[in-house]
Amino acid sequence: MADNAHSPAAGYTALVDGFRWAIPSRFNIAEACADRWAATDPDRTALIRYDDAGNTTAISFGSLKTDSDRLALALRRRGLGRGDRIAILLPQSVETVLAHFAAYKLGAIAVPLAALFGPDACPTD
């Protein structure tokens, strides 16, 4: 029998019925998106930072790993860990990525916030 893994499905129902996610029992998105790359090609560009003057700076996978590891350690030393919620109120930036990766490395739950949400984004009580 021929391998049908890459052949078109007979229809939508057959496609849905035959689809299966390959989800490992343990998965860390920070490890998959930064640390694996840092282990094999640490100097490879992961992100490009643009400043207000139009200058660019390449951010490597090695740098992402190192900096997110440092932030994760700092958060751990302050008592944060698996299952804790970490609110992140930052504009789109390299630092935002680092904050998310650090939270994921701890097993914490990253809670992205935005100033556009208004006062409800940052309750004072």
PDB file of N, CA and C in Angstrom:
ATOM      1  N   MET A   1       0.840  -1.176   0.000  1.00  0.00           N
ATOM      2  CA  MET A   1       0.000   0.000   0.000  1.00  0.00           C
ATOM      3  C   MET A   1       0.888   1.244   0.000  1.00  0.00           C
ATOM      4  N   ALA A   2       0.551   2.216  -0.808  1.00  0.00           N
ATOM      5  CA  ALA A   2       1.343   3.440  -0.932  1.00  0.00           C
ATOM      6  C   ALA A   2       1.185   4.309   0.306  1.00  0.00           C
ATOM      7  N   ASP A   3       2.230   5.104   0.589  1.00  0.00           N
ATOM      8  CA  ASP A   3       2.185   6.036   1.705  1.00  0.00           C
ATOM      9  C   ASP A   3       1.304   7.213   1.312  1.00  0.00           C
ATOM     10  N   ASN A   4       0.205   7.417   2.013  1.00  0.00           N
ATOM     11  CA  ASN A   4      -0.732   8.492   1.699  1.00  0.00           C
ATOM     12  C   ASN A   4      -0.529   9.729   2.570  1.00  0.00           C
ATOM     13  N   ALA A   5       0.583   9.790   3.290  1.00  0.00           N
ATOM     14  CA  ALA A   5       0.805  10.907   4.204  1.00  0.00           C
ATOM     15  C   ALA A   5       0.842  12.253   3.481  1.00  0.00           C
ATOM     16  N   HIS A   6       1.251  12.249   2.229  1.00  0.00           N
ATOM     17  CA  HIS A   6       1.372  13.509   1.504  1.00  0.00           C
ATOM     18  C   HIS A   6       0.415  13.608   0.325  1.00  0.00           C
ATOM     19  N   SER A   7      -0.498  12.688   0.230  1.00  0.00           N
ATOM     20  CA  SER A   7      -1.448  12.756  -0.868  1.00  0.00           C
ATOM     21  C   SER A   7      -2.701  13.501  -0.418  1.00  0.00           C
ATOM     22  N   PRO A   8      -3.416  14.093  -1.361  1.00  0.00           N
ATOM     23  CA  PRO A   8      -4.620  14.854  -0.993  1.00  0.00           C
ATOM     24  C   PRO A   8      -5.670  13.980  -0.313  1.00  0.00           C
ATOM     25  N   ALA A   9      -6.374  14.559   0.633  1.00  0.00           N
ATOM     26  CA  ALA A   9      -7.456  13.839   1.311  1.00  0.00           C
ATOM     27  C   ALA A   9      -8.646  13.732   0.362  1.00  0.00           C
ATOM     28  N   ALA A  10      -9.472  12.732   0.599  1.00  0.00           N
ATOM     29  CA  ALA A  10     -10.653  12.523  -0.234  1.00  0.00           C
ATOM     30  C   ALA A  10     -11.675  13.641  -0.024  1.00  0.00           C
ATOM     31  N   GLY A  11     -11.567  14.347   1.046  1.00  0.00           N
ATOM     32  CA  GLY A  11     -12.493  15.432   1.356  1.00  0.00           C
ATOM     33  C   GLY A  11     -12.155  16.007   2.714  1.00  0.00           C
ATOM     34  N   TYR A  12     -12.886  17.047   3.092  1.00  0.00           N
ATOM     35  CA  TYR A  12     -12.618  17.734   4.356  1.00  0.00           C
ATOM     36  C   TYR A  12     -12.775  16.797   5.550  1.00  0.00           C
ATOM     37  N   THR A  13     -13.832  16.007   5.568  1.00  0.00           N
ATOM     38  CA  THR A  13     -14.076  15.096   6.689  1.00  0.00           C
ATOM     39  C   THR A  13     -12.940  14.093   6.821  1.00  0.00           C
ATOM     40  N   ALA A  14     -12.483  13.547   5.700  1.00  0.00           N
ATOM     41  CA  ALA A  14     -11.372  12.600   5.738  1.00  0.00           C
ATOM     42  C   ALA A  14     -10.097  13.277   6.236  1.00  0.00           C
ATOM     43  N   LEU A  15      -9.901  14.521   5.826  1.00  0.00           N
ATOM     44  CA  LEU A  15      -8.733  15.267   6.271  1.00  0.00           C
ATOM     45  C   LEU A  15      -8.767  15.476   7.783  1.00  0.00           C
ATOM     46  N   VAL A  16      -9.902  15.920   8.300  1.00  0.00           N
ATOM     47  CA  VAL A  16     -10.051  16.163   9.736  1.00  0.00           C
ATOM     48  C   VAL A  16      -9.924  14.857  10.515  1.00  0.00           C
ATOM     49  N   ASP A  17     -10.587  13.817  10.045  1.00  0.00           N
ATOM     50  CA  ASP A  17     -10.547  12.529  10.747  1.00  0.00           C
ATOM     51  C   ASP A  17      -9.143  11.931  10.782  1.00  0.00           C
ATOM     52  N   GLY A  18      -8.359  12.183   9.747  1.00  0.00           N
ATOM     53  CA  GLY A  18      -7.024  11.608   9.669  1.00  0.00           C
ATOM     54  C   GLY A  18      -5.928  12.450  10.289  1.00  0.00           C
ATOM     55  N   PHE A  19      -6.278  13.668  10.742  1.00  0.00           N
ATOM     56  CA  PHE A  19      -5.264  14.563  11.292  1.00  0.00           C
ATOM     57  C   PHE A  19      -4.977  14.232  12.746  1.00  0.00           C
ATOM     58  N   ARG A  20      -3.696  14.225  13.103  1.00  0.00           N
ATOM     59  CA  ARG A  20      -3.271  14.021  14.486  1.00  0.00           C
ATOM     60  C   ARG A  20      -2.115  14.958  14.788  1.00  0.00           C
ATOM     61  N   TRP A  21      -2.204  15.666  15.907  1.00  0.00           N
ATOM     62  CA  TRP A  21      -1.081  16.483  16.366  1.00  0.00           C
ATOM     63  C   TRP A  21      -0.040  15.558  16.956  1.00  0.00           C
ATOM     64  N   ALA A  22       1.219  15.836  16.707  1.00  0.00           N
ATOM     65  CA  ALA A  22       2.316  15.096  17.335  1.00  0.00           C
ATOM     66  C   ALA A  22       2.813  15.949  18.500  1.00  0.00           C
ATOM     67  N   ILE A  23       2.143  15.827  19.637  1.00  0.00           N
ATOM     68  CA  ILE A  23       2.460  16.653  20.803  1.00  0.00           C
ATOM     69  C   ILE A  23       3.264  15.822  21.807  1.00  0.00           C
ATOM     70  N   PRO A  24       4.492  16.252  22.106  1.00  0.00           N
ATOM     71  CA  PRO A  24       5.264  15.518  23.104  1.00  0.00           C
ATOM     72  C   PRO A  24       4.662  15.699  24.490  1.00  0.00           C
ATOM     73  N   SER A  25       4.979  14.797  25.391  1.00  0.00           N
ATOM     74  CA  SER A  25       4.421  14.893  26.745  1.00  0.00           C
ATOM     75  C   SER A  25       4.949  16.127  27.481  1.00  0.00           C
ATOM     76  N   ARG A  26       6.170  16.557  27.145  1.00  0.00           N
ATOM     77  CA  ARG A  26       6.742  17.763  27.737  1.00  0.00           C
ATOM     78  C   ARG A  26       7.293  18.612  26.595  1.00  0.00           C
ATOM     79  N   PHE A  27       6.917  19.899  26.570  1.00  0.00           N
ATOM     80  CA  PHE A  27       7.359  20.793  25.511  1.00  0.00           C
ATOM     81  C   PHE A  27       7.537  22.182  26.089  1.00  0.00           C
ATOM     82  N   ASN A  28       8.651  22.806  25.769  1.00  0.00           N
ATOM     83  CA  ASN A  28       8.890  24.171  26.218  1.00  0.00           C
ATOM     84  C   ASN A  28       9.188  25.016  24.989  1.00  0.00           C
ATOM     85  N   ILE A  29       8.317  25.952  24.706  1.00  0.00           N
ATOM     86  CA  ILE A  29       8.445  26.741  23.485  1.00  0.00           C
ATOM     87  C   ILE A  29       9.722  27.586  23.473  1.00  0.00           C
ATOM     88  N   ALA A  30      10.196  28.037  24.618  1.00  0.00           N
ATOM     89  CA  ALA A  30      11.441  28.810  24.664  1.00  0.00           C
ATOM     90  C   ALA A  30      12.617  27.923  24.262  1.00  0.00           C
ATOM     91  N   GLU A  31      12.601  26.696  24.703  1.00  0.00           N
ATOM     92  CA  GLU A  31      13.662  25.760  24.341  1.00  0.00           C
ATOM     93  C   GLU A  31      13.613  25.483  22.843  1.00  0.00           C
ATOM     94  N   ALA A  32      12.410  25.301  22.312  1.00  0.00           N
ATOM     95  CA  ALA A  32      12.257  24.990  20.891  1.00  0.00           C
ATOM     96  C   ALA A  32      12.608  26.184  20.008  1.00  0.00           C
ATOM     97  N   CYS A  33      12.264  27.391  20.445  1.00  0.00           N
ATOM     98  CA  CYS A  33      12.438  28.583  19.599  1.00  0.00           C
ATOM     99  C   CYS A  33      13.780  29.279  19.768  1.00  0.00           C
ATOM    100  N   ALA A  34      14.470  29.049  20.862  1.00  0.00           N
ATOM    101  CA  ALA A  34      15.752  29.739  21.080  1.00  0.00           C
ATOM    102  C   ALA A  34      16.874  28.782  21.444  1.00  0.00           C
ATOM    103  N   ASP A  35      16.671  27.988  22.480  1.00  0.00           N
ATOM    104  CA  ASP A  35      17.770  27.193  23.018  1.00  0.00           C
ATOM    105  C   ASP A  35      18.291  26.141  22.041  1.00  0.00           C
ATOM    106  N   ARG A  36      17.420  25.484  21.306  1.00  0.00           N
ATOM    107  CA  ARG A  36      17.882  24.488  20.321  1.00  0.00           C
ATOM    108  C   ARG A  36      18.734  25.133  19.249  1.00  0.00           C
ATOM    109  N   TRP A  37      18.292  26.293  18.768  1.00  0.00           N
ATOM    110  CA  TRP A  37      19.070  27.010  17.767  1.00  0.00           C
ATOM    111  C   TRP A  37      20.392  27.474  18.362  1.00  0.00           C
ATOM    112  N   ALA A  38      20.370  27.958  19.594  1.00  0.00           N
ATOM    113  CA  ALA A  38      21.592  28.439  20.243  1.00  0.00           C
ATOM    114  C   ALA A  38      22.607  27.311  20.397  1.00  0.00           C
ATOM    115  N   ALA A  39      22.135  26.096  20.598  1.00  0.00           N
ATOM    116  CA  ALA A  39      23.031  24.951  20.766  1.00  0.00           C
ATOM    117  C   ALA A  39      23.733  24.583  19.462  1.00  0.00           C
ATOM    118  N   THR A  40      23.068  24.796  18.333  1.00  0.00           N
ATOM    119  CA  THR A  40      23.644  24.374  17.057  1.00  0.00           C
ATOM    120  C   THR A  40      24.227  25.522  16.232  1.00  0.00           C
ATOM    121  N   ASP A  41      23.683  26.724  16.380  1.00  0.00           N
ATOM    122  CA  ASP A  41      24.118  27.863  15.570  1.00  0.00           C
ATOM    123  C   ASP A  41      23.907  29.161  16.356  1.00  0.00           C
ATOM    124  N   PRO A  42      24.688  29.353  17.431  1.00  0.00           N
ATOM    125  CA  PRO A  42      24.434  30.469  18.349  1.00  0.00           C
ATOM    126  C   PRO A  42      24.551  31.857  17.719  1.00  0.00           C
ATOM    127  N   ASP A  43      25.308  31.991  16.654  1.00  0.00           N
ATOM    128  CA  ASP A  43      25.492  33.306  16.036  1.00  0.00           C
ATOM    129  C   ASP A  43      24.433  33.623  14.982  1.00  0.00           C
ATOM    130  N   ARG A  44      23.568  32.677  14.701  1.00  0.00           N
ATOM    131  CA  ARG A  44      22.521  32.890  13.696  1.00  0.00           C
ATOM    132  C   ARG A  44      21.547  33.971  14.178  1.00  0.00           C
ATOM    133  N   THR A  45      21.127  34.829  13.276  1.00  0.00           N
ATOM    134  CA  THR A  45      20.212  35.915  13.627  1.00  0.00           C
ATOM    135  C   THR A  45      18.822  35.369  13.942  1.00  0.00           C
ATOM    136  N   ALA A  46      18.316  35.739  15.110  1.00  0.00           N
ATOM    137  CA  ALA A  46      16.976  35.335  15.546  1.00  0.00           C
ATOM    138  C   ALA A  46      15.992  36.489  15.379  1.00  0.00           C
ATOM    139  N   LEU A  47      16.424  37.694  15.734  1.00  0.00           N
ATOM    140  CA  LEU A  47      15.575  38.881  15.675  1.00  0.00           C
ATOM    141  C   LEU A  47      16.399  40.051  15.160  1.00  0.00           C
ATOM    142  N   ILE A  48      15.716  41.032  14.618  1.00  0.00           N
ATOM    143  CA  ILE A  48      16.385  42.260  14.200  1.00  0.00           C
ATOM    144  C   ILE A  48      15.721  43.413  14.938  1.00  0.00           C
ATOM    145  N   ARG A  49      16.544  44.156  15.671  1.00  0.00           N
ATOM    146  CA  ARG A  49      16.048  45.303  16.427  1.00  0.00           C
ATOM    147  C   ARG A  49      16.192  46.550  15.551  1.00  0.00           C
ATOM    148  N   TYR A  50      15.091  47.298  15.452  1.00  0.00           N
ATOM    149  CA  TYR A  50      15.095  48.579  14.744  1.00  0.00           C
ATOM    150  C   TYR A  50      14.945  49.683  15.772  1.00  0.00           C
ATOM    151  N   ASP A  51      15.803  50.703  15.679  1.00  0.00           N
ATOM    152  CA  ASP A  51      15.636  51.827  16.597  1.00  0.00           C
ATOM    153  C   ASP A  51      14.954  52.990  15.891  1.00  0.00           C
ATOM    154  N   ASP A  52      14.685  54.054  16.646  1.00  0.00           N
ATOM    155  CA  ASP A  52      13.958  55.206  16.102  1.00  0.00           C
ATOM    156  C   ASP A  52      14.709  55.910  14.971  1.00  0.00           C
ATOM    157  N   ALA A  53      16.020  55.760  14.935  1.00  0.00           N
ATOM    158  CA  ALA A  53      16.825  56.398  13.898  1.00  0.00           C
ATOM    159  C   ALA A  53      16.916  55.538  12.638  1.00  0.00           C
ATOM    160  N   GLY A  54      16.305  54.352  12.681  1.00  0.00           N
ATOM    161  CA  GLY A  54      16.340  53.464  11.519  1.00  0.00           C
ATOM    162  C   GLY A  54      17.516  52.512  11.495  1.00  0.00           C
ATOM    163  N   ASN A  55      18.294  52.497  12.566  1.00  0.00           N
ATOM    164  CA  ASN A  55      19.426  51.574  12.657  1.00  0.00           C
ATOM    165  C   ASN A  55      18.927  50.178  13.024  1.00  0.00           C
ATOM    166  N   THR A  56      19.670  49.177  12.604  1.00  0.00           N
ATOM    167  CA  THR A  56      19.299  47.801  12.932  1.00  0.00           C
ATOM    168  C   THR A  56      20.433  47.116  13.689  1.00  0.00           C
ATOM    169  N   THR A  57      20.038  46.200  14.549  1.00  0.00           N
ATOM    170  CA  THR A  57      20.976  45.373  15.289  1.00  0.00           C
ATOM    171  C   THR A  57      20.472  43.944  15.233  1.00  0.00           C
ATOM    172  N   ALA A  58      21.331  43.040  14.813  1.00  0.00           N
ATOM    173  CA  ALA A  58      20.956  41.619  14.781  1.00  0.00           C
ATOM    174  C   ALA A  58      21.071  41.043  16.186  1.00  0.00           C
ATOM    175  N   ILE A  59      20.050  40.311  16.598  1.00  0.00           N
ATOM    176  CA  ILE A  59      20.046  39.625  17.889  1.00  0.00           C
ATOM    177  C   ILE A  59      20.169  38.136  17.595  1.00  0.00           C
ATOM    178  N   SER A  60      21.189  37.502  18.125  1.00  0.00           N
ATOM    179  CA  SER A  60      21.453  36.096  17.820  1.00  0.00           C
ATOM    180  C   SER A  60      20.655  35.157  18.729  1.00  0.00           C
ATOM    181  N   PHE A  61      20.552  33.903  18.290  1.00  0.00           N
ATOM    182  CA  PHE A  61      19.910  32.894  19.125  1.00  0.00           C
ATOM    183  C   PHE A  61      20.705  32.679  20.413  1.00  0.00           C
ATOM    184  N   GLY A  62      22.032  32.760  20.325  1.00  0.00           N
ATOM    185  CA  GLY A  62      22.851  32.627  21.523  1.00  0.00           C
ATOM    186  C   GLY A  62      22.553  33.721  22.536  1.00  0.00           C
ATOM    187  N   SER A  63      22.382  34.927  22.030  1.00  0.00           N
ATOM    188  CA  SER A  63      22.046  36.053  22.902  1.00  0.00           C
ATOM    189  C   SER A  63      20.660  35.871  23.521  1.00  0.00           C
ATOM    190  N   LEU A  64      19.698  35.430  22.728  1.00  0.00           N
ATOM    191  CA  LEU A  64      18.348  35.173  23.269  1.00  0.00           C
ATOM    192  C   LEU A  64      18.402  34.157  24.398  1.00  0.00           C
ATOM    193  N   LYS A  65      19.154  33.084  24.186  1.00  0.00           N
ATOM    194  CA  LYS A  65      19.250  32.047  25.221  1.00  0.00           C
ATOM    195  C   LYS A  65      19.908  32.597  26.475  1.00  0.00           C
ATOM    196  N   THR A  66      21.054  33.237  26.304  1.00  0.00           N
ATOM    197  CA  THR A  66      21.795  33.765  27.458  1.00  0.00           C
ATOM    198  C   THR A  66      20.963  34.768  28.246  1.00  0.00           C
ATOM    199  N   ASP A  67      20.367  35.719  27.544  1.00  0.00           N
ATOM    200  CA  ASP A  67      19.606  36.764  28.228  1.00  0.00           C
ATOM    201  C   ASP A  67      18.315  36.243  28.852  1.00  0.00           C
ATOM    202  N   SER A  68      17.629  35.311  28.189  1.00  0.00           N
ATOM    203  CA  SER A  68      16.404  34.758  28.785  1.00  0.00           C
ATOM    204  C   SER A  68      16.746  33.852  29.965  1.00  0.00           C
ATOM    205  N   ASP A  69      17.884  33.156  29.902  1.00  0.00           N
ATOM    206  CA  ASP A  69      18.336  32.352  31.054  1.00  0.00           C
ATOM    207  C   ASP A  69      18.612  33.265  32.252  1.00  0.00           C
ATOM    208  N   ARG A  70      19.286  34.397  32.006  1.00  0.00           N
ATOM    209  CA  ARG A  70      19.595  35.336  33.094  1.00  0.00           C
ATOM    210  C   ARG A  70      18.333  35.893  33.727  1.00  0.00           C
ATOM    211  N   LEU A  71      17.358  36.266  32.888  1.00  0.00           N
ATOM    212  CA  LEU A  71      16.108  36.798  33.424  1.00  0.00           C
ATOM    213  C   LEU A  71      15.335  35.719  34.179  1.00  0.00           C
ATOM    214  N   ALA A  72      15.323  34.502  33.651  1.00  0.00           N
ATOM    215  CA  ALA A  72      14.636  33.405  34.342  1.00  0.00           C
ATOM    216  C   ALA A  72      15.263  33.166  35.716  1.00  0.00           C
ATOM    217  N   LEU A  73      16.583  33.208  35.788  1.00  0.00           N
ATOM    218  CA  LEU A  73      17.269  33.027  37.070  1.00  0.00           C
ATOM    219  C   LEU A  73      16.914  34.151  38.043  1.00  0.00           C
ATOM    220  N   ALA A  74      16.887  35.392  37.542  1.00  0.00           N
ATOM    221  CA  ALA A  74      16.521  36.524  38.409  1.00  0.00           C
ATOM    222  C   ALA A  74      15.098  36.371  38.931  1.00  0.00           C
ATOM    223  N   LEU A  75      14.186  35.946  38.069  1.00  0.00           N
ATOM    224  CA  LEU A  75      12.794  35.736  38.502  1.00  0.00           C
ATOM    225  C   LEU A  75      12.701  34.598  39.513  1.00  0.00           C
ATOM    226  N   ARG A  76      13.449  33.519  39.275  1.00  0.00           N
ATOM    227  CA  ARG A  76      13.454  32.383  40.213  1.00  0.00           C
ATOM    228  C   ARG A  76      13.969  32.816  41.578  1.00  0.00           C
ATOM    229  N   ARG A  77      15.011  33.636  41.584  1.00  0.00           N
ATOM    230  CA  ARG A  77      15.579  34.124  42.849  1.00  0.00           C
ATOM    231  C   ARG A  77      14.600  35.009  43.603  1.00  0.00           C
ATOM    232  N   ARG A  78      13.612  35.531  42.920  1.00  0.00           N
ATOM    233  CA  ARG A  78      12.580  36.350  43.554  1.00  0.00           C
ATOM    234  C   ARG A  78      11.346  35.525  43.900  1.00  0.00           C
ATOM    235  N   GLY A  79      11.481  34.204  43.772  1.00  0.00           N
ATOM    236  CA  GLY A  79      10.424  33.314  44.229  1.00  0.00           C
ATOM    237  C   GLY A  79       9.417  32.875  43.181  1.00  0.00           C
ATOM    238  N   LEU A  80       9.615  33.249  41.922  1.00  0.00           N
ATOM    239  CA  LEU A  80       8.670  32.846  40.885  1.00  0.00           C
ATOM    240  C   LEU A  80       9.055  31.488  40.318  1.00  0.00           C
ATOM    241  N   GLY A  81       8.040  30.716  39.935  1.00  0.00           N
ATOM    242  CA  GLY A  81       8.313  29.383  39.404  1.00  0.00           C
ATOM    243  C   GLY A  81       7.134  28.807  38.660  1.00  0.00           C
ATOM    244  N   ARG A  82       7.147  27.502  38.532  1.00  0.00           N
ATOM    245  CA  ARG A  82       6.134  26.774  37.767  1.00  0.00           C
ATOM    246  C   ARG A  82       4.720  27.142  38.230  1.00  0.00           C
ATOM    247  N   GLY A  83       3.898  27.507  37.239  1.00  0.00           N
ATOM    248  CA  GLY A  83       2.502  27.807  37.507  1.00  0.00           C
ATOM    249  C   GLY A  83       2.211  29.237  37.934  1.00  0.00           C
ATOM    250  N   ASP A  84       3.260  29.983  38.289  1.00  0.00           N
ATOM    251  CA  ASP A  84       3.044  31.387  38.659  1.00  0.00           C
ATOM    252  C   ASP A  84       2.716  32.198  37.407  1.00  0.00           C
ATOM    253  N   ARG A  85       1.951  33.248  37.608  1.00  0.00           N
ATOM    254  CA  ARG A  85       1.605  34.139  36.505  1.00  0.00           C
ATOM    255  C   ARG A  85       2.547  35.327  36.518  1.00  0.00           C
ATOM    256  N   ILE A  86       3.094  35.631  35.337  1.00  0.00           N
ATOM    257  CA  ILE A  86       4.010  36.760  35.198  1.00  0.00           C
ATOM    258  C   ILE A  86       3.413  37.706  34.167  1.00  0.00           C
ATOM    259  N   ALA A  87       3.001  38.887  34.632  1.00  0.00           N
ATOM    260  CA  ALA A  87       2.428  39.889  33.734  1.00  0.00           C
ATOM    261  C   ALA A  87       3.548  40.584  32.978  1.00  0.00           C
ATOM    262  N   ILE A  88       3.352  40.740  31.676  1.00  0.00           N
ATOM    263  CA  ILE A  88       4.345  41.391  30.824  1.00  0.00           C
ATOM    264  C   ILE A  88       3.665  42.578  30.145  1.00  0.00           C
ATOM    265  N   LEU A  89       4.080  43.781  30.548  1.00  0.00           N
ATOM    266  CA  LEU A  89       3.532  45.012  29.981  1.00  0.00           C
ATOM    267  C   LEU A  89       4.674  45.754  29.299  1.00  0.00           C
ATOM    268  N   LEU A  90       4.948  45.361  28.055  1.00  0.00           N
ATOM    269  CA  LEU A  90       6.031  45.935  27.268  1.00  0.00           C
ATOM    270  C   LEU A  90       5.562  46.121  25.835  1.00  0.00           C
ATOM    271  N   PRO A  91       6.134  47.076  25.136  1.00  0.00           N
ATOM    272  CA  PRO A  91       5.825  47.190  23.708  1.00  0.00           C
ATOM    273  C   PRO A  91       6.502  46.038  22.953  1.00  0.00           C
ATOM    274  N   GLN A  92       6.131  45.825  21.717  1.00  0.00           N
ATOM    275  CA  GLN A  92       6.776  44.786  20.925  1.00  0.00           C
ATOM    276  C   GLN A  92       8.260  45.098  20.819  1.00  0.00           C
ATOM    277  N   SER A  93       9.087  44.194  21.335  1.00  0.00           N
ATOM    278  CA  SER A  93      10.533  44.432  21.374  1.00  0.00           C
ATOM    279  C   SER A  93      11.253  43.134  21.686  1.00  0.00           C
ATOM    280  N   VAL A  94      12.559  43.193  21.575  1.00  0.00           N
ATOM    281  CA  VAL A  94      13.390  42.047  21.955  1.00  0.00           C
ATOM    282  C   VAL A  94      13.166  41.724  23.431  1.00  0.00           C
ATOM    283  N   GLU A  95      13.035  42.746  24.263  1.00  0.00           N
ATOM    284  CA  GLU A  95      12.825  42.524  25.695  1.00  0.00           C
ATOM    285  C   GLU A  95      11.516  41.787  25.974  1.00  0.00           C
ATOM    286  N   THR A  96      10.520  42.023  25.161  1.00  0.00           N
ATOM    287  CA  THR A  96       9.251  41.312  25.316  1.00  0.00           C
ATOM    288  C   THR A  96       9.441  39.823  25.044  1.00  0.00           C
ATOM    289  N   VAL A  97      10.179  39.511  24.001  1.00  0.00           N
ATOM    290  CA  VAL A  97      10.485  38.110  23.684  1.00  0.00           C
ATOM    291  C   VAL A  97      11.252  37.481  24.837  1.00  0.00           C
ATOM    292  N   LEU A  98      12.252  38.189  25.352  1.00  0.00           N
ATOM    293  CA  LEU A  98      13.045  37.665  26.475  1.00  0.00           C
ATOM    294  C   LEU A  98      12.176  37.414  27.703  1.00  0.00           C
ATOM    295  N   ALA A  99      11.264  38.317  27.987  1.00  0.00           N
ATOM    296  CA  ALA A  99      10.384  38.140  29.145  1.00  0.00           C
ATOM    297  C   ALA A  99       9.507  36.898  28.981  1.00  0.00           C
ATOM    298  N   HIS A 100       8.955  36.716  27.793  1.00  0.00           N
ATOM    299  CA  HIS A 100       8.138  35.520  27.548  1.00  0.00           C
ATOM    300  C   HIS A 100       8.980  34.253  27.675  1.00  0.00           C
ATOM    301  N   PHE A 101      10.136  34.227  27.028  1.00  0.00           N
ATOM    302  CA  PHE A 101      10.988  33.032  27.092  1.00  0.00           C
ATOM    303  C   PHE A 101      11.408  32.731  28.528  1.00  0.00           C
ATOM    304  N   ALA A 102      11.745  33.754  29.292  1.00  0.00           N
ATOM    305  CA  ALA A 102      12.135  33.537  30.690  1.00  0.00           C
ATOM    306  C   ALA A 102      10.978  32.919  31.476  1.00  0.00           C
ATOM    307  N   ALA A 103       9.778  33.437  31.270  1.00  0.00           N
ATOM    308  CA  ALA A 103       8.608  32.883  31.959  1.00  0.00           C
ATOM    309  C   ALA A 103       8.404  31.418  31.573  1.00  0.00           C
ATOM    310  N   TYR A 104       8.506  31.121  30.282  1.00  0.00           N
ATOM    311  CA  TYR A 104       8.298  29.743  29.817  1.00  0.00           C
ATOM    312  C   TYR A 104       9.362  28.805  30.375  1.00  0.00           C
ATOM    313  N   LYS A 105      10.590  29.285  30.478  1.00  0.00           N
ATOM    314  CA  LYS A 105      11.665  28.449  31.017  1.00  0.00           C
ATOM    315  C   LYS A 105      11.410  28.088  32.475  1.00  0.00           C
ATOM    316  N   LEU A 106      10.719  28.961  33.199  1.00  0.00           N
ATOM    317  CA  LEU A 106      10.368  28.685  34.592  1.00  0.00           C
ATOM    318  C   LEU A 106       9.160  27.759  34.707  1.00  0.00           C
ATOM    319  N   GLY A 107       8.453  27.593  33.593  1.00  0.00           N
ATOM    320  CA  GLY A 107       7.185  26.874  33.658  1.00  0.00           C
ATOM    321  C   GLY A 107       6.073  27.774  34.147  1.00  0.00           C
ATOM    322  N   ALA A 108       6.326  29.073  34.114  1.00  0.00           N
ATOM    323  CA  ALA A 108       5.334  30.050  34.556  1.00  0.00           C
ATOM    324  C   ALA A 108       4.369  30.356  33.409  1.00  0.00           C
ATOM    325  N   ILE A 109       3.359  31.112  33.716  1.00  0.00           N
ATOM    326  CA  ILE A 109       2.345  31.496  32.739  1.00  0.00           C
ATOM    327  C   ILE A 109       2.556  32.960  32.409  1.00  0.00           C
ATOM    328  N   ALA A 110       2.937  33.229  31.158  1.00  0.00           N
ATOM    329  CA  ALA A 110       3.127  34.608  30.715  1.00  0.00           C
ATOM    330  C   ALA A 110       1.756  35.215  30.450  1.00  0.00           C
ATOM    331  N   VAL A 111       1.524  36.382  31.039  1.00  0.00           N
ATOM    332  CA  VAL A 111       0.259  37.091  30.857  1.00  0.00           C
ATOM    333  C   VAL A 111       0.568  38.399  30.143  1.00  0.00           C
ATOM    334  N   PRO A 112       0.401  38.418  28.809  1.00  0.00           N
ATOM    335  CA  PRO A 112       0.700  39.650  28.087  1.00  0.00           C
ATOM    336  C   PRO A 112      -0.349  40.715  28.344  1.00  0.00           C
ATOM    337  N   LEU A 113       0.103  41.912  28.650  1.00  0.00           N
ATOM    338  CA  LEU A 113      -0.778  43.051  28.876  1.00  0.00           C
ATOM    339  C   LEU A 113      -0.426  44.138  27.859  1.00  0.00           C
ATOM    340  N   ALA A 114      -1.336  45.039  27.633  1.00  0.00           N
ATOM    341  CA  ALA A 114      -1.081  46.148  26.722  1.00  0.00           C
ATOM    342  C   ALA A 114      -1.667  47.420  27.305  1.00  0.00           C
ATOM    343  N   ALA A 115      -0.932  48.517  27.179  1.00  0.00           N
ATOM    344  CA  ALA A 115      -1.418  49.800  27.669  1.00  0.00           C
ATOM    345  C   ALA A 115      -2.721  50.190  26.982  1.00  0.00           C
ATOM    346  N   LEU A 116      -2.947  49.668  25.780  1.00  0.00           N
ATOM    347  CA  LEU A 116      -4.178  49.979  25.054  1.00  0.00           C
ATOM    348  C   LEU A 116      -5.421  49.455  25.761  1.00  0.00           C
ATOM    349  N   PHE A 117      -5.237  48.513  26.686  1.00  0.00           N
ATOM    350  CA  PHE A 117      -6.380  48.003  27.451  1.00  0.00           C
ATOM    351  C   PHE A 117      -6.893  49.049  28.432  1.00  0.00           C
ATOM    352  N   GLY A 118      -6.102  50.086  28.677  1.00  0.00           N
ATOM    353  CA  GLY A 118      -6.495  51.148  29.601  1.00  0.00           C
ATOM    354  C   GLY A 118      -6.278  50.743  31.047  1.00  0.00           C
ATOM    355  N   PRO A 119      -6.993  51.388  31.962  1.00  0.00           N
ATOM    356  CA  PRO A 119      -6.810  51.144  33.385  1.00  0.00           C
ATOM    357  C   PRO A 119      -7.047  49.681  33.783  1.00  0.00           C
ATOM    358  N   ASP A 120      -7.879  48.974  33.026  1.00  0.00           N
ATOM    359  CA  ASP A 120      -8.152  47.573  33.372  1.00  0.00           C
ATOM    360  C   ASP A 120      -6.932  46.687  33.210  1.00  0.00           C
ATOM    361  N   ALA A 121      -5.944  47.131  32.408  1.00  0.00           N
ATOM    362  CA  ALA A 121      -4.731  46.347  32.212  1.00  0.00           C
ATOM    363  C   ALA A 121      -3.830  46.373  33.435  1.00  0.00           C
ATOM    364  N   CYS A 122      -3.936  47.399  34.230  1.00  0.00           N
ATOM    365  CA  CYS A 122      -3.055  47.574  35.394  1.00  0.00           C
ATOM    366  C   CYS A 122      -3.885  47.939  36.622  1.00  0.00           C
ATOM    367  N   PRO A 123      -4.637  47.011  37.160  1.00  0.00           N
ATOM    368  CA  PRO A 123      -5.440  47.353  38.337  1.00  0.00           C
ATOM    369  C   PRO A 123      -4.561  47.770  39.497  1.00  0.00           C
ATOM    370  N   THR A 124      -5.043  48.713  40.255  1.00  0.00           N
ATOM    371  CA  THR A 124      -4.273  49.234  41.383  1.00  0.00           C
ATOM    372  C   THR A 124      -4.653  48.588  42.718  1.00  0.00           C
ATOM    373  N   ASP A 125      -5.735  47.837  42.753  1.00  0.00           N
ATOM    374  CA  ASP A 125      -6.109  47.239  44.057  1.00  0.00           C
ATOM    375  C   ASP A 125      -5.689  45.814  44.151  1.00  0.00           C
TER     376      ASP A 125
END
